[in-house]
Amino acid sequence: MRRSLTKSEIVKRKGDIERIFSTGKRYAGRNLKLLVCQNSLAVSRIIVIPVRHYGTSVARNRIRRQIKEIWRTEKHAMIPGYDVAFLVYPGKSTDHASQRTQIVTLCRKAGLYAQS
């Protein structure tokens, strides 16, 4: 089993990111916002964006890796065909367990889970 996301599962193009921000539905959590937009692909794609003053580059990259790992382990239960953006804000709860529950809750609220 692959231990990372493939290139086709990550949003890279500026036009795609702008489309997510302009037409996507927004869902908010404590330190996290979720933007969801349908795409015409057979796979869901993700992008993680810490806000400008999140912290040092080490902290920003750590939270990116953490959220991508949670997404990788949970994507088997989600409906494919969506572009998902996570906006991460600074806060106290950056441990893995609280991030996982918050991401799962937001994805359920957005209707991304197949067994919602």
Protein backbone atom coordinates (compact mmCIF):
# COMPACT_ATOMS: atom_id res chain seq x y z
CA MET A 1 0.00 0.00 0.00
CA ARG A 2 1.27 3.43 -0.92
CA ARG A 3 2.24 5.56 2.08
CA SER A 4 1.75 8.97 0.43
CA LEU A 5 -0.68 10.79 -1.82
CA THR A 6 -0.17 10.50 -5.56
CA LYS A 7 0.39 13.54 -7.76
CA SER A 8 -3.13 13.23 -9.14
CA GLU A 9 -4.55 13.54 -5.58
CA ILE A 10 -3.02 16.96 -4.88
CA VAL A 11 -4.34 20.29 -6.21
CA LYS A 12 -1.44 22.22 -7.74
CA ARG A 13 -2.72 24.56 -10.45
CA LYS A 14 -3.60 28.14 -9.56
CA GLY A 15 -6.80 28.02 -11.60
CA ASP A 16 -8.02 25.00 -9.65
CA ILE A 17 -7.25 26.69 -6.32
CA GLU A 18 -9.09 29.85 -7.40
CA ARG A 19 -12.09 27.75 -8.48
CA ILE A 20 -12.21 26.08 -5.05
CA PHE A 21 -12.15 29.46 -3.30
CA SER A 22 -14.71 31.09 -5.57
CA THR A 23 -17.29 28.32 -5.97
CA GLY A 24 -16.61 25.96 -3.06
CA LYS A 25 -18.87 25.46 -0.06
CA ARG A 26 -17.31 26.43 3.26
CA TYR A 27 -17.42 24.59 6.56
CA ALA A 28 -15.70 25.85 9.70
CA GLY A 29 -14.20 24.14 12.73
CA ARG A 30 -12.11 25.41 15.61
CA ASN A 31 -8.77 25.97 13.89
CA LEU A 32 -9.72 24.69 10.48
CA LYS A 33 -11.88 25.68 7.52
CA LEU A 34 -12.91 23.25 4.83
CA LEU A 35 -13.72 24.33 1.27
CA VAL A 36 -15.30 21.71 -0.99
CA CYS A 37 -15.91 21.93 -4.73
CA GLN A 38 -16.87 19.19 -7.20
CA ASN A 39 -14.42 18.29 -9.93
CA SER A 40 -14.87 16.21 -13.08
CA LEU A 41 -12.27 13.62 -12.07
CA ALA A 42 -12.65 10.13 -10.66
CA VAL A 43 -10.48 11.01 -7.66
CA SER A 44 -10.74 13.57 -4.87
CA ARG A 45 -7.89 16.05 -4.59
CA ILE A 46 -6.61 17.96 -1.57
CA ILE A 47 -4.63 21.08 -0.73
CA VAL A 48 -3.60 22.22 2.76
CA ILE A 49 -3.02 25.95 3.26
CA PRO A 50 -1.82 27.29 6.61
CA VAL A 51 -2.59 31.01 7.00
CA ARG A 52 0.22 33.49 6.60
CA HIS A 53 1.06 33.91 10.29
CA TYR A 54 0.68 30.26 11.28
CA GLY A 55 4.18 29.92 12.67
CA THR A 56 7.61 28.91 11.48
CA SER A 57 8.09 26.94 8.30
CA VAL A 58 8.67 23.84 10.42
CA ALA A 59 5.22 24.22 12.03
CA ARG A 60 3.52 24.91 8.68
CA ASN A 61 5.08 21.88 7.03
CA ARG A 62 4.29 19.70 10.04
CA ILE A 63 0.59 20.57 9.95
CA ARG A 64 0.54 19.99 6.17
CA ARG A 65 2.05 16.52 6.61
CA GLN A 66 -0.32 15.76 9.48
CA ILE A 67 -3.50 16.70 7.59
CA LYS A 68 -2.37 14.91 4.42
CA GLU A 69 -1.72 11.75 6.44
CA ILE A 70 -5.18 11.94 8.03
CA TRP A 71 -6.71 12.43 4.57
CA ARG A 72 -4.70 9.49 3.16
CA THR A 73 -5.96 7.12 5.86
CA GLU A 74 -9.58 8.31 5.62
CA LYS A 75 -9.97 8.71 1.83
CA HIS A 76 -11.14 5.11 1.32
CA ALA A 77 -14.43 5.98 3.08
CA MET A 78 -15.06 9.21 1.14
CA ILE A 79 -16.94 9.90 -2.06
CA PRO A 80 -14.54 10.60 -4.98
CA GLY A 81 -14.83 13.55 -7.33
CA TYR A 82 -14.22 16.54 -5.06
CA ASP A 83 -11.52 19.17 -4.66
CA VAL A 84 -10.93 19.87 -0.98
CA ALA A 85 -8.99 22.76 0.57
CA PHE A 86 -8.10 22.91 4.25
CA LEU A 87 -7.34 26.37 5.65
CA VAL A 88 -5.43 25.96 8.91
CA TYR A 89 -5.40 28.67 11.58
CA PRO A 90 -3.08 28.86 14.60
CA GLY A 91 -4.39 27.31 17.78
CA LYS A 92 -3.59 25.04 20.65
CA SER A 93 -4.93 21.73 19.35
CA THR A 94 -2.37 20.53 16.82
CA ASP A 95 -2.05 16.97 18.14
CA HIS A 96 -2.95 14.18 15.75
CA ALA A 97 -6.02 12.86 17.57
CA SER A 98 -7.81 16.20 17.85
CA GLN A 99 -6.96 17.08 14.24
CA ARG A 100 -8.36 13.73 13.08
CA THR A 101 -11.67 14.17 14.91
CA GLN A 102 -12.02 17.73 13.63
CA ILE A 103 -11.29 16.73 10.01
CA VAL A 104 -13.65 13.75 10.15
CA THR A 105 -16.40 15.94 11.65
CA LEU A 106 -15.99 18.61 8.96
CA CYS A 107 -15.94 16.02 6.16
CA ARG A 108 -19.11 14.40 7.52
CA LYS A 109 -20.76 17.83 7.72
CA ALA A 110 -19.79 18.48 4.08
CA GLY A 111 -21.23 15.12 3.01
CA LEU A 112 -17.94 13.69 1.77
CA TYR A 113 -18.31 10.36 3.59
CA ALA A 114 -19.99 7.55 1.68
CA GLN A 115 -21.63 6.17 4.84
CA SER A 116 -22.82 9.50 6.30
